[in-house]
Amino acid sequence: MHLTEITDLTTPSLDIYRQLRDKAFTQDNSFIADSPKVVNILLETPIKVKSLLATKEYYEEFEELISRKNIPHLFVADKKVMENIVGHKIHHNCMMHGIRPDETVIDELGEQIIMLDEISSTENIGSIARSAAALGVDSYLLPKQGPHPFNRRALRVSMGLASRLKINQFDDIFATLKTLRAKGYKIFAAEVTPDATPLSEVKVPSKWVLLMGHEGKGLSQEVLAACDEAVQIEMEPNIKSFNVGVAASIMMYHFKSHSVL
């Protein structure tokens, strides 16, 4: 394992660690992951890794794992130098520059899909990805105009588990819902409405899509009309809703445990 010690902070290969921010993918779909827990999970996947930037202690502890990948650049620096490169204080000892995996086409998604409409919080994107991976909901549909699960913060919140999901970003939610229904999925809208089915009473088919709405606005009437059934979690009186990440987790668990085999 050949390590390159950082002697010049202006080395072009380090630019990605200085410049990349959420929603700022480069043309080659680069992303940055940080912290050993996240980076190590990603190192166990087929994701292409272009470089690591880490302390000597990290390389020594995880030499065997790192050696399994063909990584062109292994940059080593102490924590202070790493902070000078990224421009802020860090609480970890490693970062990774990788290439975001190709999207999964709709035809290759699994039979259970978690789908988002206009979710604006990067943290919620990551939280839902982590819950989906943990519960075995392996397909994740998101709008192209929103945060991506491989955004730096979303990836950290998901603990790198977004890498275990089949991810697809759509342009038109109505066209996408129509396509999914034609492929045999039943579309469930997570929304509090007068005619919504209580979660404990919903009949879950083998192929389903669970659609979550915006954190504040929820789902529009037009989107609700394009779904097959609205579903809501039973709550105490005068409690309006859960956080969307919490609601998605509760609903995915119920849907997975009650799906028709």
C-alpha atoms as a PDB file:
ATOM      1  CA  MET A   1       0.000   0.000   0.000  1.00  0.00           C
ATOM      2  CA  HIS A   2       1.708   3.141  -1.257  1.00  0.00           C
ATOM      3  CA  LEU A   3       0.832   6.314   0.640  1.00  0.00           C
ATOM      4  CA  THR A   4       1.420   9.798  -0.761  1.00  0.00           C
ATOM      5  CA  GLU A   5       2.257  12.287   1.955  1.00  0.00           C
ATOM      6  CA  ILE A   6       0.729  15.734   1.450  1.00  0.00           C
ATOM      7  CA  THR A   7       3.449  18.333   0.995  1.00  0.00           C
ATOM      8  CA  ASP A   8       1.579  20.704  -1.340  1.00  0.00           C
ATOM      9  CA  LEU A   9      -1.959  21.710  -0.411  1.00  0.00           C
ATOM     10  CA  THR A  10      -2.583  22.945  -3.972  1.00  0.00           C
ATOM     11  CA  THR A  11      -2.171  19.494  -5.536  1.00  0.00           C
ATOM     12  CA  PRO A  12      -4.953  19.250  -8.197  1.00  0.00           C
ATOM     13  CA  SER A  13      -6.027  15.804  -6.991  1.00  0.00           C
ATOM     14  CA  LEU A  14      -7.030  17.414  -3.685  1.00  0.00           C
ATOM     15  CA  ASP A  15      -9.296  20.020  -5.303  1.00  0.00           C
ATOM     16  CA  ILE A  16     -12.345  17.791  -4.915  1.00  0.00           C
ATOM     17  CA  TYR A  17     -11.962  17.829  -1.114  1.00  0.00           C
ATOM     18  CA  ARG A  18     -11.944  21.637  -1.116  1.00  0.00           C
ATOM     19  CA  GLN A  19     -14.602  22.380  -3.696  1.00  0.00           C
ATOM     20  CA  LEU A  20     -17.336  19.760  -3.564  1.00  0.00           C
ATOM     21  CA  ARG A  21     -20.415  20.706  -1.584  1.00  0.00           C
ATOM     22  CA  ASP A  22     -23.953  19.330  -1.407  1.00  0.00           C
ATOM     23  CA  LYS A  23     -25.793  19.642  -4.753  1.00  0.00           C
ATOM     24  CA  ALA A  24     -22.508  20.341  -6.545  1.00  0.00           C
ATOM     25  CA  PHE A  25     -21.705  17.125  -8.401  1.00  0.00           C
ATOM     26  CA  THR A  26     -18.936  17.339 -10.966  1.00  0.00           C
ATOM     27  CA  GLN A  27     -19.433  16.106 -14.510  1.00  0.00           C
ATOM     28  CA  ASP A  28     -18.138  12.641 -13.627  1.00  0.00           C
ATOM     29  CA  ASN A  29     -20.620  12.301 -10.710  1.00  0.00           C
ATOM     30  CA  SER A  30     -17.945  12.588  -8.046  1.00  0.00           C
ATOM     31  CA  PHE A  31     -18.925  12.536  -4.404  1.00  0.00           C
ATOM     32  CA  ILE A  32     -17.164  12.889  -1.071  1.00  0.00           C
ATOM     33  CA  ALA A  33     -17.716  10.596   1.897  1.00  0.00           C
ATOM     34  CA  ASP A  34     -16.255  11.172   5.332  1.00  0.00           C
ATOM     35  CA  SER A  35     -15.744   9.300   8.610  1.00  0.00           C
ATOM     36  CA  PRO A  36     -14.403   5.736   8.967  1.00  0.00           C
ATOM     37  CA  LYS A  37     -17.838   4.133   9.426  1.00  0.00           C
ATOM     38  CA  VAL A  38     -19.170   5.568   6.157  1.00  0.00           C
ATOM     39  CA  VAL A  39     -15.972   5.164   4.135  1.00  0.00           C
ATOM     40  CA  ASN A  40     -15.453   1.568   5.254  1.00  0.00           C
ATOM     41  CA  ILE A  41     -18.981   0.570   4.216  1.00  0.00           C
ATOM     42  CA  LEU A  42     -18.394   2.112   0.796  1.00  0.00           C
ATOM     43  CA  LEU A  43     -15.046   0.343   0.440  1.00  0.00           C
ATOM     44  CA  GLU A  44     -16.916  -2.961   0.657  1.00  0.00           C
ATOM     45  CA  THR A  45     -19.064  -2.092  -2.394  1.00  0.00           C
ATOM     46  CA  PRO A  46     -18.204  -2.050  -6.133  1.00  0.00           C
ATOM     47  CA  ILE A  47     -18.226   1.776  -6.098  1.00  0.00           C
ATOM     48  CA  LYS A  48     -15.226   3.263  -7.881  1.00  0.00           C
ATOM     49  CA  VAL A  49     -12.876   5.054  -5.484  1.00  0.00           C
ATOM     50  CA  LYS A  50     -10.529   7.686  -6.902  1.00  0.00           C
ATOM     51  CA  SER A  51      -8.697   8.619  -3.716  1.00  0.00           C
ATOM     52  CA  LEU A  52      -8.581   8.537   0.061  1.00  0.00           C
ATOM     53  CA  LEU A  53      -7.425  11.392   2.253  1.00  0.00           C
ATOM     54  CA  ALA A  54      -6.672  10.097   5.740  1.00  0.00           C
ATOM     55  CA  THR A  55      -4.322   9.989   8.673  1.00  0.00           C
ATOM     56  CA  LYS A  56      -1.599   7.399   9.054  1.00  0.00           C
ATOM     57  CA  GLU A  57      -3.556   5.847  11.920  1.00  0.00           C
ATOM     58  CA  TYR A  58      -6.537   5.184   9.646  1.00  0.00           C
ATOM     59  CA  TYR A  59      -4.404   3.478   7.009  1.00  0.00           C
ATOM     60  CA  GLU A  60      -2.699   1.314   9.627  1.00  0.00           C
ATOM     61  CA  GLU A  61      -5.989   0.208  11.199  1.00  0.00           C
ATOM     62  CA  PHE A  62      -7.777  -0.615   7.949  1.00  0.00           C
ATOM     63  CA  GLU A  63      -4.897  -1.625   5.678  1.00  0.00           C
ATOM     64  CA  GLU A  64      -6.450  -4.971   4.719  1.00  0.00           C
ATOM     65  CA  LEU A  65      -9.791  -3.406   3.730  1.00  0.00           C
ATOM     66  CA  ILE A  66      -8.152  -0.614   1.725  1.00  0.00           C
ATOM     67  CA  SER A  67      -5.840  -3.039  -0.077  1.00  0.00           C
ATOM     68  CA  ARG A  68      -8.810  -4.900  -1.582  1.00  0.00           C
ATOM     69  CA  LYS A  69      -9.625  -1.884  -3.767  1.00  0.00           C
ATOM     70  CA  ASN A  70      -7.542  -0.551  -6.607  1.00  0.00           C
ATOM     71  CA  ILE A  71      -7.390   3.069  -5.427  1.00  0.00           C
ATOM     72  CA  PRO A  72      -5.167   5.362  -7.536  1.00  0.00           C
ATOM     73  CA  HIS A  73      -4.312   7.873  -4.784  1.00  0.00           C
ATOM     74  CA  LEU A  74      -3.895   7.259  -1.062  1.00  0.00           C
ATOM     75  CA  PHE A  75      -3.118  10.641   0.455  1.00  0.00           C
ATOM     76  CA  VAL A  76      -1.852  10.720   4.029  1.00  0.00           C
ATOM     77  CA  ALA A  77      -1.845  13.783   6.271  1.00  0.00           C
ATOM     78  CA  ASP A  78      -2.316  14.636   9.899  1.00  0.00           C
ATOM     79  CA  LYS A  79      -5.659  15.991  11.025  1.00  0.00           C
ATOM     80  CA  LYS A  80      -4.506  19.619  11.019  1.00  0.00           C
ATOM     81  CA  VAL A  81      -3.411  19.405   7.381  1.00  0.00           C
ATOM     82  CA  MET A  82      -6.727  17.745   6.474  1.00  0.00           C
ATOM     83  CA  GLU A  83      -8.558  20.652   8.092  1.00  0.00           C
ATOM     84  CA  ASN A  84      -6.446  23.129   6.118  1.00  0.00           C
ATOM     85  CA  ILE A  85      -7.408  21.324   2.904  1.00  0.00           C
ATOM     86  CA  VAL A  86     -11.166  21.168   3.509  1.00  0.00           C
ATOM     87  CA  GLY A  87     -11.336  24.576   5.147  1.00  0.00           C
ATOM     88  CA  HIS A  88     -13.105  23.654   8.378  1.00  0.00           C
ATOM     89  CA  LYS A  89     -12.698  21.628  11.556  1.00  0.00           C
ATOM     90  CA  ILE A  90     -13.301  17.891  11.186  1.00  0.00           C
ATOM     91  CA  HIS A  91     -14.111  15.234  13.774  1.00  0.00           C
ATOM     92  CA  HIS A  92     -12.918  12.201  11.838  1.00  0.00           C
ATOM     93  CA  ASN A  93      -9.692  10.955  10.289  1.00  0.00           C
ATOM     94  CA  CYS A  94     -10.582   9.949   6.731  1.00  0.00           C
ATOM     95  CA  MET A  95     -12.358  11.113   3.578  1.00  0.00           C
ATOM     96  CA  MET A  96     -13.040   9.401   0.285  1.00  0.00           C
ATOM     97  CA  HIS A  97     -13.455  10.658  -3.277  1.00  0.00           C
ATOM     98  CA  GLY A  98     -15.676   8.243  -5.180  1.00  0.00           C
ATOM     99  CA  ILE A  99     -17.829   8.080  -8.285  1.00  0.00           C
ATOM    100  CA  ARG A 100     -21.562   7.846  -7.748  1.00  0.00           C
ATOM    101  CA  PRO A 101     -22.907   4.535  -9.129  1.00  0.00           C
ATOM    102  CA  ASP A 102     -25.119   4.548 -12.206  1.00  0.00           C
ATOM    103  CA  GLU A 103     -28.831   4.948 -11.607  1.00  0.00           C
ATOM    104  CA  THR A 104     -31.076   1.909 -11.708  1.00  0.00           C
ATOM    105  CA  VAL A 105     -33.665   2.034 -14.484  1.00  0.00           C
ATOM    106  CA  ILE A 106     -37.287   1.654 -13.386  1.00  0.00           C
ATOM    107  CA  ASP A 107     -37.543  -1.791 -15.018  1.00  0.00           C
ATOM    108  CA  GLU A 108     -34.880  -3.086 -12.610  1.00  0.00           C
ATOM    109  CA  LEU A 109     -36.250  -1.708  -9.346  1.00  0.00           C
ATOM    110  CA  GLY A 110     -37.409  -4.115  -6.642  1.00  0.00           C
ATOM    111  CA  GLU A 111     -40.978  -5.001  -5.738  1.00  0.00           C
ATOM    112  CA  GLN A 112     -41.048  -2.603  -2.764  1.00  0.00           C
ATOM    113  CA  ILE A 113     -40.173   1.039  -3.414  1.00  0.00           C
ATOM    114  CA  ILE A 114     -39.907   4.079  -1.166  1.00  0.00           C
ATOM    115  CA  MET A 115     -40.593   7.199  -3.236  1.00  0.00           C
ATOM    116  CA  LEU A 116     -40.232  10.868  -2.318  1.00  0.00           C
ATOM    117  CA  ASP A 117     -41.948  13.979  -3.666  1.00  0.00           C
ATOM    118  CA  GLU A 118     -40.224  17.327  -3.084  1.00  0.00           C
ATOM    119  CA  ILE A 119     -38.369  16.346   0.091  1.00  0.00           C
ATOM    120  CA  SER A 120     -36.053  19.301   0.721  1.00  0.00           C
ATOM    121  CA  SER A 121     -33.976  18.171   3.716  1.00  0.00           C
ATOM    122  CA  THR A 122     -30.710  16.413   2.944  1.00  0.00           C
ATOM    123  CA  GLU A 123     -30.820  14.860   6.406  1.00  0.00           C
ATOM    124  CA  ASN A 124     -34.244  13.338   5.695  1.00  0.00           C
ATOM    125  CA  ILE A 125     -32.969  11.929   2.403  1.00  0.00           C
ATOM    126  CA  GLY A 126     -30.168  10.189   4.291  1.00  0.00           C
ATOM    127  CA  SER A 127     -32.347   9.079   7.195  1.00  0.00           C
ATOM    128  CA  ILE A 128     -34.914   7.461   4.905  1.00  0.00           C
ATOM    129  CA  ALA A 129     -32.150   5.738   2.920  1.00  0.00           C
ATOM    130  CA  ARG A 130     -30.711   4.276   6.115  1.00  0.00           C
ATOM    131  CA  SER A 131     -34.116   3.004   7.265  1.00  0.00           C
ATOM    132  CA  ALA A 132     -34.915   1.560   3.835  1.00  0.00           C
ATOM    133  CA  ALA A 133     -31.637  -0.360   3.742  1.00  0.00           C
ATOM    134  CA  ALA A 134     -32.144  -1.627   7.294  1.00  0.00           C
ATOM    135  CA  LEU A 135     -35.697  -2.802   6.592  1.00  0.00           C
ATOM    136  CA  GLY A 136     -34.990  -4.400   3.228  1.00  0.00           C
ATOM    137  CA  VAL A 137     -36.773  -1.866   1.024  1.00  0.00           C
ATOM    138  CA  ASP A 138     -34.096  -1.857  -1.645  1.00  0.00           C
ATOM    139  CA  SER A 139     -35.404   0.703  -4.149  1.00  0.00           C
ATOM    140  CA  TYR A 140     -35.377   4.484  -3.729  1.00  0.00           C
ATOM    141  CA  LEU A 141     -37.149   6.889  -6.104  1.00  0.00           C
ATOM    142  CA  LEU A 142     -36.482  10.621  -5.789  1.00  0.00           C
ATOM    143  CA  PRO A 143     -37.090  13.780  -7.840  1.00  0.00           C
ATOM    144  CA  LYS A 144     -34.113  15.068  -9.811  1.00  0.00           C
ATOM    145  CA  GLN A 145     -34.555  18.596  -8.480  1.00  0.00           C
ATOM    146  CA  GLY A 146     -34.025  17.530  -4.856  1.00  0.00           C
ATOM    147  CA  PRO A 147     -31.030  16.348  -2.813  1.00  0.00           C
ATOM    148  CA  HIS A 148     -29.349  13.109  -3.878  1.00  0.00           C
ATOM    149  CA  PRO A 149     -28.612  10.246  -1.428  1.00  0.00           C
ATOM    150  CA  PHE A 150     -24.915  10.579  -2.317  1.00  0.00           C
ATOM    151  CA  ASN A 151     -24.738  14.191  -1.245  1.00  0.00           C
ATOM    152  CA  ARG A 152     -22.111  14.498   1.424  1.00  0.00           C
ATOM    153  CA  ARG A 153     -24.467  15.082   4.353  1.00  0.00           C
ATOM    154  CA  ALA A 154     -27.108  12.613   3.177  1.00  0.00           C
ATOM    155  CA  LEU A 155     -24.478   9.927   2.773  1.00  0.00           C
ATOM    156  CA  ARG A 156     -23.185  10.578   6.281  1.00  0.00           C
ATOM    157  CA  VAL A 157     -26.699  10.420   7.788  1.00  0.00           C
ATOM    158  CA  SER A 158     -27.385   7.170   5.933  1.00  0.00           C
ATOM    159  CA  MET A 159     -24.093   5.781   7.308  1.00  0.00           C
ATOM    160  CA  GLY A 160     -23.168   4.948   3.723  1.00  0.00           C
ATOM    161  CA  LEU A 161     -26.117   2.555   3.440  1.00  0.00           C
ATOM    162  CA  ALA A 162     -27.541   4.495   0.485  1.00  0.00           C
ATOM    163  CA  SER A 163     -24.958   2.490  -1.464  1.00  0.00           C
ATOM    164  CA  ARG A 164     -27.051  -0.650  -0.886  1.00  0.00           C
ATOM    165  CA  LEU A 165     -30.141   0.785  -2.579  1.00  0.00           C
ATOM    166  CA  LYS A 166     -31.295   0.845  -6.183  1.00  0.00           C
ATOM    167  CA  ILE A 167     -31.631   4.587  -6.811  1.00  0.00           C
ATOM    168  CA  ASN A 168     -33.593   6.293  -9.560  1.00  0.00           C
ATOM    169  CA  GLN A 169     -34.294  10.007 -10.015  1.00  0.00           C
ATOM    170  CA  PHE A 170     -37.371  11.031 -11.966  1.00  0.00           C
ATOM    171  CA  ASP A 171     -38.298  14.186 -13.881  1.00  0.00           C
ATOM    172  CA  ASP A 172     -42.088  13.923 -13.907  1.00  0.00           C
ATOM    173  CA  ILE A 173     -43.862  12.407 -10.912  1.00  0.00           C
ATOM    174  CA  PHE A 174     -47.136  11.860 -12.785  1.00  0.00           C
ATOM    175  CA  ALA A 175     -45.488  10.036 -15.694  1.00  0.00           C
ATOM    176  CA  THR A 176     -43.456   7.971 -13.242  1.00  0.00           C
ATOM    177  CA  LEU A 177     -46.493   6.954 -11.184  1.00  0.00           C
ATOM    178  CA  LYS A 178     -48.296   5.979 -14.388  1.00  0.00           C
ATOM    179  CA  THR A 179     -45.337   3.827 -15.447  1.00  0.00           C
ATOM    180  CA  LEU A 180     -45.138   2.146 -12.051  1.00  0.00           C
ATOM    181  CA  ARG A 181     -48.847   1.350 -12.014  1.00  0.00           C
ATOM    182  CA  ALA A 182     -48.572  -0.172 -15.510  1.00  0.00           C
ATOM    183  CA  LYS A 183     -45.840  -2.435 -14.122  1.00  0.00           C
ATOM    184  CA  GLY A 184     -48.165  -3.772 -11.446  1.00  0.00           C
ATOM    185  CA  TYR A 185     -47.258  -1.651  -8.438  1.00  0.00           C
ATOM    186  CA  LYS A 186     -49.954  -0.318  -6.124  1.00  0.00           C
ATOM    187  CA  ILE A 187     -49.226   3.302  -5.217  1.00  0.00           C
ATOM    188  CA  PHE A 188     -49.777   4.265  -1.573  1.00  0.00           C
ATOM    189  CA  ALA A 189     -49.689   7.939  -0.586  1.00  0.00           C
ATOM    190  CA  ALA A 190     -48.583   8.686   2.972  1.00  0.00           C
ATOM    191  CA  GLU A 191     -50.933  11.523   3.833  1.00  0.00           C
ATOM    192  CA  VAL A 192     -53.471  12.508   6.481  1.00  0.00           C
ATOM    193  CA  THR A 193     -56.780  12.825   4.618  1.00  0.00           C
ATOM    194  CA  PRO A 194     -60.433  12.264   5.600  1.00  0.00           C
ATOM    195  CA  ASP A 195     -60.543   9.016   3.627  1.00  0.00           C
ATOM    196  CA  ALA A 196     -57.026   7.723   4.383  1.00  0.00           C
ATOM    197  CA  THR A 197     -56.747   4.097   5.473  1.00  0.00           C
ATOM    198  CA  PRO A 198     -55.286   3.641   8.977  1.00  0.00           C
ATOM    199  CA  LEU A 199     -51.901   1.960   8.697  1.00  0.00           C
ATOM    200  CA  SER A 200     -52.998  -0.969  10.884  1.00  0.00           C
ATOM    201  CA  GLU A 201     -55.818  -1.739   8.441  1.00  0.00           C
ATOM    202  CA  VAL A 202     -54.059  -1.374   5.103  1.00  0.00           C
ATOM    203  CA  LYS A 203     -53.909  -4.461   2.860  1.00  0.00           C
ATOM    204  CA  VAL A 204     -50.410  -4.556   1.416  1.00  0.00           C
ATOM    205  CA  PRO A 205     -49.835  -6.324  -1.932  1.00  0.00           C
ATOM    206  CA  SER A 206     -46.553  -7.902  -2.972  1.00  0.00           C
ATOM    207  CA  LYS A 207     -45.641  -4.988  -5.261  1.00  0.00           C
ATOM    208  CA  TRP A 208     -46.004  -1.542  -3.762  1.00  0.00           C
ATOM    209  CA  VAL A 209     -44.750   2.023  -3.830  1.00  0.00           C
ATOM    210  CA  LEU A 210     -44.899   4.129  -0.677  1.00  0.00           C
ATOM    211  CA  LEU A 211     -44.885   7.824  -1.581  1.00  0.00           C
ATOM    212  CA  MET A 212     -43.849  10.393   1.034  1.00  0.00           C
ATOM    213  CA  GLY A 213     -44.569  14.099   0.607  1.00  0.00           C
ATOM    214  CA  HIS A 214     -42.858  17.387   1.406  1.00  0.00           C
ATOM    215  CA  GLU A 215     -41.918  17.949   5.055  1.00  0.00           C
ATOM    216  CA  GLY A 216     -44.274  20.900   5.415  1.00  0.00           C
ATOM    217  CA  LYS A 217     -46.766  20.792   2.551  1.00  0.00           C
ATOM    218  CA  GLY A 218     -47.229  17.040   2.245  1.00  0.00           C
ATOM    219  CA  LEU A 219     -48.627  15.747  -1.053  1.00  0.00           C
ATOM    220  CA  SER A 220     -50.662  17.936  -3.382  1.00  0.00           C
ATOM    221  CA  GLN A 221     -54.228  17.059  -4.313  1.00  0.00           C
ATOM    222  CA  GLU A 222     -53.058  16.366  -7.864  1.00  0.00           C
ATOM    223  CA  VAL A 223     -50.454  13.859  -6.684  1.00  0.00           C
ATOM    224  CA  LEU A 224     -52.921  12.240  -4.273  1.00  0.00           C
ATOM    225  CA  ALA A 225     -55.362  11.789  -7.135  1.00  0.00           C
ATOM    226  CA  ALA A 226     -52.641   9.976  -9.101  1.00  0.00           C
ATOM    227  CA  CYS A 227     -52.160   7.424  -6.294  1.00  0.00           C
ATOM    228  CA  ASP A 228     -54.267   4.347  -5.543  1.00  0.00           C
ATOM    229  CA  GLU A 229     -54.769   4.777  -1.801  1.00  0.00           C
ATOM    230  CA  ALA A 230     -53.895   7.206   0.979  1.00  0.00           C
ATOM    231  CA  VAL A 231     -52.502   5.754   4.212  1.00  0.00           C
ATOM    232  CA  GLN A 232     -51.994   7.440   7.569  1.00  0.00           C
ATOM    233  CA  ILE A 233     -50.439   6.449  10.866  1.00  0.00           C
ATOM    234  CA  GLU A 234     -52.910   6.465  13.742  1.00  0.00           C
ATOM    235  CA  MET A 235     -51.950   9.221  16.184  1.00  0.00           C
ATOM    236  CA  GLU A 236     -53.237  10.822  19.337  1.00  0.00           C
ATOM    237  CA  PRO A 237     -55.767  13.664  18.908  1.00  0.00           C
ATOM    238  CA  ASN A 238     -54.326  17.092  18.073  1.00  0.00           C
ATOM    239  CA  ILE A 239     -51.036  15.599  16.846  1.00  0.00           C
ATOM    240  CA  LYS A 240     -50.699  16.529  13.206  1.00  0.00           C
ATOM    241  CA  SER A 241     -47.877  14.333  11.958  1.00  0.00           C
ATOM    242  CA  PHE A 242     -44.502  12.655  12.471  1.00  0.00           C
ATOM    243  CA  ASN A 243     -41.242  13.844  10.994  1.00  0.00           C
ATOM    244  CA  VAL A 244     -41.159  12.454   7.452  1.00  0.00           C
ATOM    245  CA  GLY A 245     -38.132  10.266   8.205  1.00  0.00           C
ATOM    246  CA  VAL A 246     -39.830   8.750  11.254  1.00  0.00           C
ATOM    247  CA  ALA A 247     -43.103   8.264   9.375  1.00  0.00           C
ATOM    248  CA  ALA A 248     -41.313   6.587   6.466  1.00  0.00           C
ATOM    249  CA  SER A 249     -39.578   4.176   8.850  1.00  0.00           C
ATOM    250  CA  ILE A 250     -42.792   3.207  10.636  1.00  0.00           C
ATOM    251  CA  MET A 251     -44.655   2.712   7.371  1.00  0.00           C
ATOM    252  CA  MET A 252     -41.877   0.757   5.652  1.00  0.00           C
ATOM    253  CA  TYR A 253     -41.648  -1.605   8.619  1.00  0.00           C
ATOM    254  CA  HIS A 254     -45.405  -2.221   8.534  1.00  0.00           C
ATOM    255  CA  PHE A 255     -45.489  -2.636   4.741  1.00  0.00           C
ATOM    256  CA  LYS A 256     -42.555  -5.074   4.761  1.00  0.00           C
ATOM    257  CA  SER A 257     -44.022  -7.174   7.579  1.00  0.00           C
ATOM    258  CA  HIS A 258     -47.530  -7.261   6.067  1.00  0.00           C
ATOM    259  CA  SER A 259     -46.800  -7.663   2.356  1.00  0.00           C
ATOM    260  CA  VAL A 260     -48.517 -10.559   0.591  1.00  0.00           C
ATOM    261  CA  LEU A 261     -45.863 -13.109  -0.355  1.00  0.00           C
END
